N, C-alpha and C. Protein backbone atom coordinates (compact mmCIF):
# COMPACT_ATOMS: atom_id res chain seq x y z
N UNK A 1 79.23 -138.34 19.55
CA UNK A 1 80.21 -139.85 19.80
C UNK A 1 80.02 -139.59 21.06
N UNK A 2 79.50 -139.17 22.44
CA UNK A 2 79.11 -139.14 23.98
C UNK A 2 78.62 -140.50 23.90
N UNK A 3 77.25 -140.91 22.86
CA UNK A 3 77.01 -141.67 23.08
C UNK A 3 76.75 -143.34 22.77
N UNK A 4 78.31 -143.18 22.62
CA UNK A 4 79.41 -144.56 22.53
C UNK A 4 78.92 -145.34 24.30
N UNK A 5 78.20 -146.66 23.90
CA UNK A 5 78.54 -147.41 25.03
C UNK A 5 79.66 -148.60 25.11
N UNK A 6 80.09 -148.35 26.14
CA UNK A 6 81.10 -149.61 26.42
C UNK A 6 81.14 -150.35 26.77
N UNK A 7 81.82 -151.16 27.86
CA UNK A 7 81.51 -152.24 29.09
C UNK A 7 83.23 -152.17 29.62
N UNK A 8 83.43 -152.58 30.80
CA UNK A 8 84.53 -153.06 31.04
C UNK A 8 84.79 -154.06 31.64
N UNK A 9 85.80 -154.66 31.81
CA UNK A 9 85.91 -156.14 32.38
C UNK A 9 87.77 -156.29 32.24
N UNK A 10 87.80 -157.48 33.25
CA UNK A 10 89.43 -158.14 33.73
C UNK A 10 89.71 -158.90 32.62
N UNK A 11 90.38 -158.22 31.96
CA UNK A 11 91.11 -159.28 30.53
C UNK A 11 91.07 -160.15 31.09
N UNK A 12 90.46 -162.03 30.99
CA UNK A 12 90.84 -162.85 32.04
C UNK A 12 91.44 -163.84 30.77
N UNK A 13 91.09 -163.73 29.64
CA UNK A 13 91.58 -164.72 28.48
C UNK A 13 93.00 -163.74 28.02
N UNK A 14 93.64 -164.82 27.08
CA UNK A 14 94.38 -163.72 25.98
C UNK A 14 93.52 -163.27 24.94
N UNK A 15 92.40 -163.21 24.34
CA UNK A 15 92.15 -162.51 23.93
C UNK A 15 91.93 -160.81 24.05
N UNK A 16 91.51 -160.79 25.14
CA UNK A 16 91.22 -159.65 26.19
C UNK A 16 92.85 -158.79 26.67
N UNK A 17 93.84 -159.63 26.89
CA UNK A 17 95.27 -159.58 27.09
C UNK A 17 95.73 -158.89 25.66
N UNK A 18 95.70 -159.61 25.20
CA UNK A 18 96.02 -159.20 23.66
C UNK A 18 95.59 -157.62 22.86
N UNK A 19 93.56 -157.71 23.57
CA UNK A 19 93.73 -155.74 23.13
C UNK A 19 94.44 -154.80 23.72
N UNK A 20 94.63 -155.31 25.46
CA UNK A 20 94.89 -154.60 26.42
C UNK A 20 96.10 -154.29 25.76
N UNK A 21 96.77 -154.85 25.48
CA UNK A 21 97.71 -154.95 24.41
C UNK A 21 98.58 -153.44 23.39
N UNK A 22 97.46 -154.10 22.79
CA UNK A 22 97.20 -153.17 21.33
C UNK A 22 96.47 -151.43 21.62
N UNK A 23 95.94 -151.57 23.07
CA UNK A 23 95.83 -149.79 23.28
C UNK A 23 96.76 -149.20 23.86
N UNK A 24 97.89 -150.31 24.86
CA UNK A 24 98.95 -149.53 25.09
C UNK A 24 99.57 -149.36 24.09
N UNK A 25 99.63 -150.09 22.94
CA UNK A 25 101.17 -150.14 21.67
C UNK A 25 100.89 -148.86 21.04
N UNK A 26 99.10 -148.40 20.94
CA UNK A 26 98.82 -147.66 19.92
C UNK A 26 98.96 -146.52 20.67
N UNK A 27 98.73 -146.30 22.18
CA UNK A 27 98.68 -145.14 22.68
C UNK A 27 100.12 -144.54 23.06
N UNK A 28 101.11 -145.40 23.99
CA UNK A 28 102.37 -145.34 24.16
C UNK A 28 103.35 -145.02 23.52
N UNK A 29 103.23 -146.86 22.26
CA UNK A 29 104.26 -146.70 21.77
C UNK A 29 103.90 -145.60 20.55
N UNK A 30 103.03 -145.50 19.40
CA UNK A 30 102.74 -145.10 18.22
C UNK A 30 102.65 -143.40 18.26
N UNK A 31 101.92 -143.17 19.87
CA UNK A 31 101.84 -141.66 19.87
C UNK A 31 102.56 -140.91 20.47
N UNK A 32 102.80 -141.53 21.57
CA UNK A 32 103.85 -141.15 22.42
C UNK A 32 105.16 -141.26 22.42
N UNK A 33 105.83 -142.33 21.50
CA UNK A 33 107.36 -142.66 21.30
C UNK A 33 107.43 -143.31 22.17
N UNK A 34 107.25 -143.57 23.20
CA UNK A 34 107.61 -144.44 24.19
C UNK A 34 108.16 -145.86 22.98
N UNK A 35 109.67 -146.63 23.78
CA UNK A 35 110.18 -147.02 22.89
C UNK A 35 109.40 -148.87 23.54
N UNK A 36 108.97 -149.24 22.58
CA UNK A 36 108.44 -150.89 22.78
C UNK A 36 108.70 -151.66 24.44
N UNK A 37 110.06 -151.88 23.88
CA UNK A 37 110.89 -152.38 25.26
C UNK A 37 110.28 -151.99 26.25
N UNK A 38 109.90 -151.11 26.73
CA UNK A 38 110.37 -150.21 28.04
C UNK A 38 108.34 -150.62 28.59
N UNK A 39 107.39 -150.49 27.15
CA UNK A 39 106.19 -150.59 27.17
C UNK A 39 105.72 -151.69 28.31
N UNK A 40 106.27 -152.68 28.50
CA UNK A 40 105.68 -153.96 28.12
C UNK A 40 106.60 -154.80 29.29
N UNK A 41 106.48 -155.30 30.43
CA UNK A 41 107.87 -155.68 30.88
C UNK A 41 107.32 -156.99 32.32
N UNK A 42 107.93 -157.04 32.69
CA UNK A 42 107.76 -158.34 33.74
C UNK A 42 106.99 -158.68 34.22
N UNK A 43 106.16 -156.98 35.02
CA UNK A 43 105.26 -157.39 35.50
C UNK A 43 103.72 -157.19 35.14
N UNK A 44 103.17 -157.56 33.80
CA UNK A 44 102.66 -157.72 32.73
C UNK A 44 101.30 -159.21 32.62
N UNK A 45 103.05 -160.03 33.47
CA UNK A 45 102.49 -161.76 33.24
C UNK A 45 101.59 -161.59 35.14
N UNK A 46 101.71 -160.93 35.67
CA UNK A 46 100.91 -160.90 37.05
C UNK A 46 100.17 -159.74 37.18
N UNK A 47 99.86 -159.24 36.54
CA UNK A 47 99.09 -157.55 36.66
C UNK A 47 97.85 -158.34 36.68
N UNK A 48 96.60 -157.78 37.34
CA UNK A 48 95.50 -157.40 36.85
C UNK A 48 94.71 -156.38 36.22
N UNK A 49 94.98 -157.13 34.35
CA UNK A 49 94.35 -156.01 33.41
C UNK A 49 92.92 -155.68 33.26
N UNK A 50 92.97 -154.42 33.86
CA UNK A 50 91.28 -154.20 33.16
C UNK A 50 90.50 -153.81 31.51
N UNK A 51 89.76 -153.71 30.67
CA UNK A 51 89.39 -153.58 29.37
C UNK A 51 88.48 -153.19 28.99
N UNK A 52 88.49 -151.69 28.65
CA UNK A 52 87.17 -151.02 28.16
C UNK A 52 86.96 -151.72 27.01
N UNK A 53 85.47 -152.07 26.79
CA UNK A 53 85.23 -152.16 25.32
C UNK A 53 84.29 -151.74 24.29
N UNK A 54 84.21 -151.07 23.38
CA UNK A 54 82.88 -150.97 22.24
C UNK A 54 82.07 -152.01 22.33
N UNK A 55 80.31 -151.49 21.79
CA UNK A 55 79.39 -153.03 22.37
C UNK A 55 79.92 -153.19 21.32
N UNK A 56 80.78 -152.88 20.02
CA UNK A 56 80.73 -153.94 18.81
C UNK A 56 82.49 -154.97 18.96
N UNK A 57 82.80 -154.45 19.81
CA UNK A 57 84.43 -155.25 20.90
C UNK A 57 84.91 -154.74 20.26
N UNK A 58 85.40 -153.40 19.63
CA UNK A 58 86.74 -152.74 19.50
C UNK A 58 87.12 -151.98 20.86
N UNK A 59 88.26 -152.40 21.00
CA UNK A 59 88.93 -152.00 22.38
C UNK A 59 88.66 -150.47 22.61
N UNK A 60 88.68 -149.58 23.64
CA UNK A 60 88.67 -148.27 23.79
C UNK A 60 89.65 -147.65 24.78
N UNK A 61 89.92 -148.83 25.91
CA UNK A 61 90.92 -148.47 26.89
C UNK A 61 91.52 -149.72 27.66
N UNK A 62 92.96 -149.38 28.60
CA UNK A 62 92.97 -150.35 29.00
C UNK A 62 94.10 -149.65 30.80
N UNK A 63 94.29 -150.70 31.26
CA UNK A 63 94.96 -150.55 32.54
C UNK A 63 95.31 -151.51 33.28
N UNK A 64 96.01 -150.81 34.38
CA UNK A 64 96.84 -152.09 35.15
C UNK A 64 96.53 -152.38 36.52
N UNK A 65 96.63 -153.38 37.02
CA UNK A 65 96.72 -153.03 38.69
C UNK A 65 98.06 -154.17 39.18
N UNK A 66 99.16 -153.50 39.80
CA UNK A 66 100.05 -154.30 40.47
C UNK A 66 99.93 -154.41 41.93
N UNK A 67 100.01 -155.47 42.71
CA UNK A 67 99.67 -155.89 43.64
C UNK A 67 100.59 -156.93 43.75
N UNK A 68 101.31 -156.76 45.96
CA UNK A 68 102.02 -157.67 45.98
C UNK A 68 103.31 -157.24 45.98
N UNK A 69 103.71 -158.38 45.79
CA UNK A 69 105.25 -158.27 45.56
C UNK A 69 105.75 -157.46 44.24
N UNK A 70 104.91 -157.52 43.31
CA UNK A 70 105.03 -156.59 42.54
C UNK A 70 105.08 -155.13 42.59
N UNK A 71 103.73 -154.76 43.00
CA UNK A 71 103.15 -153.80 43.80
C UNK A 71 104.74 -152.98 44.65
N UNK A 72 104.92 -153.76 45.34
CA UNK A 72 105.94 -153.43 46.45
C UNK A 72 106.63 -152.73 45.79
N UNK A 73 107.49 -153.53 44.28
CA UNK A 73 108.57 -153.00 44.18
C UNK A 73 108.21 -151.29 43.39
N UNK A 74 107.63 -151.32 42.99
CA UNK A 74 106.92 -150.40 42.14
C UNK A 74 106.78 -149.15 42.79
N UNK A 75 106.56 -149.29 44.33
CA UNK A 75 105.92 -147.80 44.95
C UNK A 75 106.71 -148.24 46.37
N UNK A 76 106.71 -147.67 47.29
CA UNK A 76 107.10 -147.69 48.85
C UNK A 76 107.35 -148.64 49.60
N UNK A 77 107.02 -149.85 49.21
CA UNK A 77 107.78 -151.17 49.70
C UNK A 77 106.42 -151.49 50.47
N UNK A 78 105.16 -150.75 50.40
CA UNK A 78 104.01 -150.80 51.19
C UNK A 78 102.80 -152.49 50.49
N UNK A 79 103.22 -153.30 51.56
CA UNK A 79 102.58 -154.79 50.55
C UNK A 79 100.92 -153.95 50.34
N UNK A 80 100.45 -153.04 51.61
CA UNK A 80 98.75 -153.03 51.02
C UNK A 80 98.44 -152.56 50.14
N UNK A 81 99.57 -152.02 49.72
CA UNK A 81 99.18 -150.20 48.63
C UNK A 81 99.54 -151.00 47.33
N UNK A 82 98.56 -150.99 46.03
CA UNK A 82 98.46 -151.01 45.12
C UNK A 82 98.81 -150.03 44.11
N UNK A 83 99.27 -150.68 42.42
CA UNK A 83 100.23 -149.87 41.83
C UNK A 83 99.25 -149.64 40.73
N UNK A 84 98.42 -148.75 40.38
CA UNK A 84 97.82 -148.27 39.47
C UNK A 84 99.11 -148.09 37.91
N UNK A 85 98.45 -148.58 36.24
CA UNK A 85 99.75 -148.03 35.98
C UNK A 85 99.37 -148.78 34.35
N UNK A 86 99.88 -148.34 33.36
CA UNK A 86 99.73 -148.19 31.81
C UNK A 86 98.34 -147.73 31.29
N UNK A 87 97.25 -147.19 32.14
CA UNK A 87 96.76 -146.29 31.68
C UNK A 87 96.05 -145.68 30.49
N UNK A 88 95.70 -145.79 29.42
CA UNK A 88 95.21 -145.74 27.93
C UNK A 88 94.04 -145.83 27.52
N UNK A 89 93.58 -144.89 26.47
CA UNK A 89 92.79 -144.94 26.48
C UNK A 89 92.88 -144.01 24.52
N UNK A 90 92.12 -145.08 23.50
CA UNK A 90 92.68 -144.34 22.51
C UNK A 90 91.90 -143.58 22.21
N UNK A 91 92.18 -142.42 20.91
CA UNK A 91 91.89 -140.79 20.50
C UNK A 91 90.74 -141.20 20.50
N UNK A 92 89.80 -141.74 19.39
CA UNK A 92 88.53 -142.16 19.31
C UNK A 92 87.63 -142.67 20.77
N UNK A 93 88.73 -142.82 21.47
CA UNK A 93 87.54 -142.30 22.69
C UNK A 93 87.37 -141.80 24.07
N UNK A 94 89.03 -141.03 23.91
CA UNK A 94 88.65 -139.56 25.02
C UNK A 94 87.89 -138.80 24.85
N UNK A 95 87.46 -138.50 26.06
CA UNK A 95 86.44 -137.26 26.20
C UNK A 95 85.00 -138.79 27.06
N UNK A 96 85.18 -139.75 26.66
CA UNK A 96 83.82 -140.45 26.75
C UNK A 96 83.62 -140.64 27.61
N UNK A 97 84.88 -140.39 29.27
CA UNK A 97 84.57 -140.96 30.43
C UNK A 97 85.17 -142.19 30.89
N UNK A 98 85.58 -142.63 29.70
CA UNK A 98 86.33 -144.41 29.73
C UNK A 98 87.67 -144.56 30.42
N UNK A 99 88.43 -143.25 30.75
CA UNK A 99 89.48 -143.41 31.55
C UNK A 99 89.06 -143.25 33.15
N UNK A 100 88.72 -142.46 33.22
CA UNK A 100 87.65 -142.16 34.54
C UNK A 100 87.23 -143.21 35.36
N UNK A 101 86.25 -144.85 34.48
CA UNK A 101 85.71 -145.10 34.43
C UNK A 101 86.77 -147.04 34.77
N UNK A 102 87.85 -146.20 33.54
CA UNK A 102 88.84 -147.81 34.22
C UNK A 102 89.45 -147.41 35.60
N UNK A 103 89.89 -146.40 35.78
CA UNK A 103 90.41 -146.08 36.93
C UNK A 103 89.37 -146.66 38.49
N UNK A 104 88.55 -146.52 37.97
CA UNK A 104 87.09 -146.73 39.76
C UNK A 104 87.25 -148.50 39.02
N UNK A 105 86.98 -148.93 37.71
CA UNK A 105 87.45 -150.01 37.84
C UNK A 105 89.04 -151.06 38.03
N UNK A 106 90.17 -150.46 38.02
CA UNK A 106 90.97 -150.66 38.99
C UNK A 106 90.90 -150.91 40.53
N UNK A 107 90.86 -149.76 40.85
CA UNK A 107 90.64 -149.33 42.59
C UNK A 107 89.82 -150.21 42.93
N UNK A 108 88.55 -150.99 42.27
CA UNK A 108 87.35 -151.89 42.66
C UNK A 108 88.31 -153.53 43.02
N UNK A 109 89.33 -153.32 41.82
CA UNK A 109 89.74 -155.09 41.66
C UNK A 109 90.99 -154.73 42.79
N UNK A 110 91.32 -153.36 43.36
CA UNK A 110 92.27 -153.36 44.81
C UNK A 110 91.84 -153.18 46.13
N UNK A 111 89.90 -152.75 46.16
CA UNK A 111 89.46 -153.19 47.10
C UNK A 111 89.23 -154.64 47.44
N UNK A 112 89.09 -155.26 45.99
CA UNK A 112 88.76 -156.91 46.24
C UNK A 112 90.21 -157.72 46.85
N UNK A 113 91.48 -157.09 46.52
CA UNK A 113 92.32 -158.05 47.31
C UNK A 113 92.49 -157.45 48.43
N UNK A 114 91.59 -156.25 49.16
CA UNK A 114 92.33 -155.69 50.66
C UNK A 114 93.66 -154.85 50.52
N UNK A 115 93.85 -153.94 49.50
CA UNK A 115 94.82 -153.25 49.22
C UNK A 115 93.54 -151.61 50.12
N UNK A 116 94.66 -151.09 50.50
CA UNK A 116 94.01 -149.72 51.14
C UNK A 116 94.44 -148.66 50.42
N UNK A 117 95.04 -148.56 49.94
CA UNK A 117 95.55 -147.57 48.86
C UNK A 117 96.12 -147.71 47.21
N UNK A 118 96.33 -147.01 46.55
CA UNK A 118 96.55 -147.24 45.22
C UNK A 118 97.39 -145.73 44.88
N UNK A 119 98.76 -146.06 44.70
CA UNK A 119 100.05 -145.35 43.87
C UNK A 119 99.72 -145.32 42.23
N UNK A 120 100.51 -144.07 41.41
CA UNK A 120 100.37 -144.45 40.14
C UNK A 120 101.43 -143.08 39.88
N UNK A 121 102.53 -143.42 38.77
CA UNK A 121 103.17 -142.72 38.27
C UNK A 121 102.03 -142.13 37.00
N UNK A 122 101.44 -140.51 37.40
CA UNK A 122 100.96 -140.09 35.97
C UNK A 122 101.49 -138.99 34.97
N UNK A 123 101.59 -139.16 34.19
CA UNK A 123 101.98 -137.96 33.00
C UNK A 123 101.49 -136.37 33.72
N UNK A 124 103.06 -136.06 33.71
CA UNK A 124 102.50 -134.37 34.47
C UNK A 124 101.16 -133.99 33.51
N UNK A 125 101.73 -133.79 32.82
CA UNK A 125 100.16 -133.25 31.66
C UNK A 125 98.46 -133.91 32.47
N UNK A 126 98.67 -135.29 32.98
CA UNK A 126 97.66 -135.61 33.19
C UNK A 126 97.00 -135.31 35.04
N UNK A 127 98.06 -134.76 35.68
CA UNK A 127 97.86 -135.05 36.78
C UNK A 127 96.48 -134.28 37.31
N UNK A 128 95.82 -133.40 36.77
CA UNK A 128 94.73 -132.76 36.50
C UNK A 128 93.21 -133.56 36.84
N UNK A 129 93.77 -134.87 36.05
CA UNK A 129 92.76 -135.61 35.80
C UNK A 129 92.25 -136.41 36.65
N UNK A 130 93.77 -137.02 37.50
CA UNK A 130 93.99 -138.01 38.59
C UNK A 130 93.44 -137.19 39.86
N UNK A 131 93.79 -135.66 40.17
CA UNK A 131 93.03 -135.14 40.95
C UNK A 131 91.44 -135.58 41.32
N UNK A 132 91.20 -135.30 40.20
CA UNK A 132 89.43 -134.76 39.63
C UNK A 132 89.11 -136.37 40.60
N UNK A 133 89.82 -137.52 40.08
CA UNK A 133 89.51 -138.84 40.94
C UNK A 133 90.07 -139.17 41.86
N UNK A 134 90.34 -137.84 43.56
CA UNK A 134 91.07 -138.17 44.33
C UNK A 134 92.78 -138.20 44.90
N UNK A 135 92.77 -138.60 43.89
CA UNK A 135 94.44 -138.56 43.92
C UNK A 135 95.40 -137.25 44.22
N UNK A 136 96.55 -137.73 44.92
CA UNK A 136 97.32 -137.01 45.15
C UNK A 136 98.33 -136.84 44.88
N UNK A 137 99.22 -135.91 44.47
CA UNK A 137 100.33 -135.78 44.14
C UNK A 137 101.27 -135.60 45.31
N UNK A 138 102.56 -136.76 45.20
CA UNK A 138 103.83 -136.33 45.81
C UNK A 138 105.14 -136.77 45.75
N UNK A 139 106.46 -136.17 46.29
CA UNK A 139 107.87 -136.40 45.28
C UNK A 139 107.62 -135.62 44.50
N UNK A 140 108.55 -134.85 44.14
CA UNK A 140 109.43 -134.22 43.28
C UNK A 140 108.93 -134.99 41.25
N UNK A 141 108.88 -134.51 40.54
CA UNK A 141 108.13 -134.67 39.26
C UNK A 141 109.65 -135.52 39.04
N UNK A 142 109.08 -136.44 37.52
CA UNK A 142 110.76 -137.14 37.59
C UNK A 142 110.38 -138.15 36.55
N UNK A 143 111.69 -138.02 35.23
CA UNK A 143 111.10 -138.71 33.56
C UNK A 143 110.76 -140.12 33.70
N UNK A 144 110.27 -140.40 33.34
CA UNK A 144 110.13 -141.91 33.04
C UNK A 144 110.14 -142.11 31.44
N UNK A 145 110.23 -142.55 30.51
CA UNK A 145 110.77 -142.74 28.81
C UNK A 145 110.29 -141.56 28.71
N UNK A 146 111.25 -140.76 29.31
CA UNK A 146 111.63 -139.21 28.42
C UNK A 146 110.66 -138.54 29.01
N UNK A 147 109.65 -138.71 29.65
CA UNK A 147 108.08 -138.01 29.99
C UNK A 147 108.25 -137.44 30.91
N UNK A 148 107.94 -136.36 31.64
CA UNK A 148 107.87 -135.79 33.38
C UNK A 148 106.54 -136.43 33.56
N UNK A 149 106.66 -136.73 34.60
CA UNK A 149 105.91 -137.68 35.68
C UNK A 149 105.67 -137.07 37.17
N UNK A 150 104.77 -137.46 37.94
CA UNK A 150 104.53 -137.42 39.06
C UNK A 150 104.45 -138.36 39.94
N UNK A 151 104.13 -138.62 41.17
CA UNK A 151 103.86 -139.62 41.85
C UNK A 151 102.65 -138.82 42.38
N UNK A 152 101.44 -140.00 42.73
CA UNK A 152 100.05 -139.77 43.05
C UNK A 152 99.34 -141.01 43.83
N UNK A 153 99.11 -141.09 44.87
CA UNK A 153 98.27 -141.79 45.60
C UNK A 153 96.51 -141.05 45.70
N UNK A 154 96.32 -142.33 45.71
CA UNK A 154 94.77 -142.22 46.56
C UNK A 154 94.05 -143.81 47.91
N UNK A 155 94.30 -142.74 48.52
CA UNK A 155 93.93 -144.05 49.49
C UNK A 155 91.80 -144.51 49.25
N UNK A 156 92.36 -145.87 49.43
CA UNK A 156 90.89 -146.38 49.31
C UNK A 156 89.90 -146.20 50.66
């Protein structure tokens, strides 16, 4: 299945945003048991959502970038730091490079907004993935939605 081709795009319309939310619901709510009321938040309205779709239009993955005041509220208050979050890849698309491509697209969106770094809260089991992409852990492990996480940052 490694020959699957896909495209990345910023979710500009309602259909793309709904596809992002559907991926997140499948992965976080369905697979990981995150309560739905925790998965969606007020930050979704102003976030930059990035979507990966298979050539036939099937959504494969999604992620979001918070910037400005929204990011400052979720990081250390620095307005030049974005917050990458809600990165999710469907079971069928794992191992195809979709997650790394989404991170790259979110970082490009951050650069386009003049941000100098990107923070994220990685599920602890995924820190190796983010380390391979240049992220560095900081601070102690903490629980989010009952799942162990680590804060990580990559300077752009």
